[in-house]
Amino acid sequence: MSIDVHPSAGLPRLEADDHEHVGRLVGSLHAFVRLTERVRLTRVLRLVALALLNILDVITTAIILGDGGVELNPILAPVVHMIWIPVLAKGSVIALVWVLVMRCSVRSRSASVMLTGIVTLYAGVVAFNVVGILAR
């Protein structure tokens, strides 16, 4: 690829065979942009699912506590009756996870795997709470 660049020349002139090379480069760039958009959308959807599952966790836990049940999470058990503390803690953790996940490289599989694991964990917590509610 030969490019004639001179400060007064403006845009470089491409030779006829350079167009194919530029076309391949643009195609690669488009493929990377599509990958980036797909990964980011998937991560955002998982983060939204995590936030919704945390909200459901708070609601189902409140129902269980209202029926005389107990908080099984040893970290939240001492403060669960002050609803704003668990809500603030969960919101802070979600915000931190959001920032960390969105800062990870698009090619980082570990961010996607860990996020999927956290979502699965919270889905299990909510399912456990729902089973507990239905069993009463």
Protein backbone atom coordinates (compact mmCIF):
# COMPACT_ATOMS: atom_id res chain seq x y z
CA MET A 1 0.00 0.00 0.00
CA SER A 2 1.54 3.27 -1.04
CA ILE A 3 0.18 6.48 0.39
CA ASP A 4 1.31 9.89 -0.73
CA VAL A 5 0.93 12.22 2.23
CA HIS A 6 2.03 15.80 2.17
CA PRO A 7 0.82 18.45 4.64
CA SER A 8 -0.86 20.37 1.83
CA ALA A 9 -2.08 17.25 0.04
CA GLY A 10 -5.16 16.72 2.25
CA LEU A 11 -6.38 13.14 2.20
CA PRO A 12 -3.96 10.52 0.92
CA ARG A 13 -4.50 9.16 -2.58
CA LEU A 14 -5.09 5.43 -2.78
CA GLU A 15 -3.90 3.26 -5.60
CA ALA A 16 -6.38 0.95 -7.32
CA ASP A 17 -5.14 -2.14 -5.43
CA ASP A 18 -5.38 -0.29 -2.09
CA HIS A 19 -9.20 -0.22 -2.23
CA GLU A 20 -9.43 -3.98 -1.59
CA HIS A 21 -7.08 -3.70 1.40
CA VAL A 22 -9.07 -0.79 2.84
CA GLY A 23 -12.28 -2.75 2.27
CA ARG A 24 -10.92 -5.67 4.32
CA LEU A 25 -9.85 -3.32 7.11
CA VAL A 26 -13.26 -1.65 7.21
CA GLY A 27 -14.92 -5.08 7.27
CA SER A 28 -12.75 -6.09 10.24
CA LEU A 29 -13.66 -2.87 12.01
CA HIS A 30 -17.37 -3.48 11.42
CA ALA A 31 -17.03 -7.03 12.79
CA PHE A 32 -15.34 -5.71 15.94
CA VAL A 33 -18.04 -3.07 16.42
CA ARG A 34 -20.75 -5.76 16.09
CA LEU A 35 -18.92 -7.92 18.66
CA THR A 36 -18.61 -4.97 21.03
CA GLU A 37 -22.29 -4.09 20.73
CA ARG A 38 -23.38 -7.72 21.23
CA VAL A 39 -21.17 -8.24 24.30
CA ARG A 40 -22.18 -4.93 25.88
CA LEU A 41 -25.89 -5.62 25.28
CA THR A 42 -25.56 -9.08 26.81
CA ARG A 43 -23.75 -7.64 29.84
CA VAL A 44 -26.34 -4.89 30.30
CA LEU A 45 -29.18 -7.42 30.14
CA ARG A 46 -27.45 -9.58 32.75
CA LEU A 47 -26.85 -6.54 34.97
CA VAL A 48 -30.53 -5.55 34.69
CA ALA A 49 -31.47 -9.14 35.57
CA LEU A 50 -29.15 -8.92 38.59
CA ALA A 51 -30.79 -5.68 39.72
CA LEU A 52 -34.29 -7.13 39.30
CA LEU A 53 -33.33 -10.29 41.16
CA ASN A 54 -31.98 -8.18 44.03
CA ILE A 55 -35.27 -6.26 44.16
CA LEU A 56 -37.16 -9.57 44.22
CA ASP A 57 -34.82 -10.78 46.96
CA VAL A 58 -35.67 -7.76 49.11
CA ILE A 59 -39.41 -8.18 48.48
CA THR A 60 -39.49 -11.92 49.12
CA THR A 61 -37.30 -11.55 52.21
CA ALA A 62 -39.66 -8.87 53.55
CA ILE A 63 -42.61 -11.23 53.02
CA ILE A 64 -40.78 -14.05 54.82
CA LEU A 65 -39.81 -11.77 57.71
CA GLY A 66 -43.39 -10.47 57.92
CA ASP A 67 -44.61 -14.05 58.29
CA GLY A 68 -42.21 -14.66 61.18
CA GLY A 69 -39.32 -16.12 59.18
CA VAL A 70 -35.67 -15.26 59.65
CA GLU A 71 -32.92 -13.88 57.43
CA LEU A 72 -30.49 -16.68 56.57
CA ASN A 73 -27.76 -14.40 55.21
CA PRO A 74 -25.40 -13.97 58.19
CA ILE A 75 -24.14 -10.62 56.90
CA LEU A 76 -27.62 -9.06 56.60
CA ALA A 77 -29.29 -10.85 59.53
CA PRO A 78 -28.26 -8.24 62.17
CA VAL A 79 -29.52 -5.30 60.09
CA VAL A 80 -32.37 -6.78 58.05
CA HIS A 81 -35.07 -5.02 60.12
CA MET A 82 -33.63 -1.65 59.06
CA ILE A 83 -34.71 -2.07 55.44
CA TRP A 84 -32.67 0.83 54.11
CA ILE A 85 -29.36 -0.84 55.09
CA PRO A 86 -29.86 -4.00 52.96
CA VAL A 87 -31.28 -1.90 50.11
CA LEU A 88 -28.31 0.48 50.26
CA ALA A 89 -25.85 -2.43 50.48
CA LYS A 90 -27.42 -4.25 47.54
CA GLY A 91 -27.60 -1.06 45.47
CA SER A 92 -23.95 -0.29 46.18
CA VAL A 93 -22.83 -3.79 45.22
CA ILE A 94 -24.86 -3.69 42.00
CA ALA A 95 -23.39 -0.28 41.10
CA LEU A 96 -19.86 -1.56 41.77
CA VAL A 97 -20.43 -4.74 39.75
CA TRP A 98 -21.94 -2.63 36.92
CA VAL A 99 -18.90 -0.37 36.75
CA LEU A 100 -16.41 -3.24 36.94
CA VAL A 101 -18.17 -5.35 34.33
CA MET A 102 -18.61 -2.50 31.86
CA ARG A 103 -14.93 -1.55 32.22
CA CYS A 104 -13.78 -5.07 31.35
CA SER A 105 -12.50 -5.72 27.88
CA VAL A 106 -15.09 -6.90 25.40
CA ARG A 107 -12.93 -9.97 24.83
CA SER A 108 -12.83 -10.80 28.57
CA ARG A 109 -14.72 -14.04 29.03
CA SER A 110 -14.15 -13.97 32.79
CA ALA A 111 -16.39 -10.90 33.20
CA SER A 112 -19.23 -12.61 31.34
CA VAL A 113 -18.78 -15.91 33.20
CA MET A 114 -18.66 -14.23 36.63
CA LEU A 115 -21.70 -12.10 35.84
CA THR A 116 -23.63 -15.15 34.70
CA GLY A 117 -22.62 -16.91 37.93
CA ILE A 118 -23.82 -14.02 40.09
CA VAL A 119 -27.14 -13.85 38.23
CA THR A 120 -27.58 -17.61 38.63
CA LEU A 121 -26.78 -17.36 42.35
CA TYR A 122 -29.39 -14.65 42.91
CA ALA A 123 -31.94 -16.54 40.83
CA GLY A 124 -31.38 -19.43 43.24
CA VAL A 125 -31.80 -17.16 46.27
CA VAL A 126 -35.08 -15.77 44.93
CA ALA A 127 -36.30 -19.27 44.02
CA PHE A 128 -35.45 -20.44 47.55
CA ASN A 129 -37.40 -17.51 49.00
CA VAL A 130 -40.41 -18.16 46.76
CA VAL A 131 -40.45 -21.84 47.73
CA GLY A 132 -40.31 -20.76 51.38
CA ILE A 133 -43.23 -18.39 50.89
CA LEU A 134 -45.32 -20.98 49.07
CA ALA A 135 -44.59 -23.62 51.71
CA ARG A 136 -46.13 -21.50 54.50
